[in-house]
Amino acid sequence: MRRLLTYLLFGKDGETMMAMLWAQQIMLGKKTFDEVPRLLKEQVKEILIDSGCEDLVTE
C-alpha cells in the first residue's frame, strides 16, 4: 500500500526521493537511521555513505 501511495504521489522515482528525504533528515539530526522504514534502509544507507556520513548509519 505504501509503495502504491509513493508511486502515485512521486512517480516511479518516488522511492529514491523518499530515501533522499530520509537521508537529509538524518544528516540534519532530525531523525535517526533506526527510524528509517525497513524497505528504504538500503537506499538511505547508500546515500549516507556516498555523502560522507557513514558514521550516521547505526546498525
Protein backbone atom coordinates (compact mmCIF):
# COMPACT_ATOMS: atom_id res chain seq x y z
CA MET A 1 0.00 0.00 0.00
CA ARG A 2 2.78 2.45 0.90
CA ARG A 3 4.63 1.69 -2.32
CA LEU A 4 1.48 2.36 -4.31
CA LEU A 5 0.90 5.64 -2.50
CA THR A 6 4.54 6.67 -3.01
CA TYR A 7 4.27 5.78 -6.69
CA LEU A 8 1.07 7.76 -7.10
CA LEU A 9 2.48 10.82 -5.31
CA PHE A 10 6.02 10.91 -6.70
CA GLY A 11 6.05 8.75 -9.84
CA LYS A 12 8.40 5.87 -10.49
CA ASP A 13 11.33 7.58 -8.75
CA GLY A 14 9.33 8.16 -5.59
CA GLU A 15 11.19 5.54 -3.57
CA THR A 16 14.53 7.18 -4.38
CA MET A 17 13.14 10.59 -3.44
CA MET A 18 11.84 9.23 -0.14
CA ALA A 19 15.25 7.71 0.60
CA MET A 20 16.91 11.05 -0.14
CA LEU A 21 14.46 12.82 2.16
CA TRP A 22 15.18 10.37 4.98
CA ALA A 23 18.94 10.74 4.47
CA GLN A 24 18.63 14.52 4.62
CA GLN A 25 16.61 14.35 7.85
CA ILE A 26 19.25 12.08 9.37
CA MET A 27 22.07 14.43 8.32
CA LEU A 28 20.20 17.34 9.92
CA GLY A 29 19.81 15.38 13.15
CA LYS A 30 16.03 15.33 13.00
CA LYS A 31 15.76 11.55 12.50
CA THR A 32 17.96 8.54 13.18
CA PHE A 33 18.85 5.63 10.91
CA ASP A 34 16.91 3.30 13.22
CA GLU A 35 13.71 5.20 12.36
CA VAL A 36 14.04 4.58 8.60
CA PRO A 37 11.35 2.27 7.21
CA ARG A 38 12.70 -1.23 6.51
CA LEU A 39 12.11 -1.01 2.75
CA LEU A 40 14.19 2.17 2.44
CA LYS A 41 17.12 1.28 4.72
CA GLU A 42 19.49 0.05 1.99
CA GLN A 43 18.94 3.10 -0.21
CA VAL A 44 19.29 5.50 2.72
CA LYS A 45 22.45 3.72 3.85
CA GLU A 46 23.96 4.07 0.38
CA ILE A 47 23.07 7.77 0.19
CA LEU A 48 24.58 8.46 3.61
CA ILE A 49 27.79 6.61 2.73
CA ASP A 50 28.06 8.41 -0.63
CA SER A 51 27.58 11.72 1.21
CA GLY A 52 30.44 11.01 3.61
CA CYS A 53 28.11 10.46 6.54
CA GLU A 54 28.69 6.76 7.09
CA ASP A 55 29.03 7.43 10.82
CA LEU A 56 25.27 8.12 10.90
CA VAL A 57 24.48 4.56 9.78
CA THR A 58 23.93 2.70 13.03
CA GLU A 59 23.02 -0.96 12.80
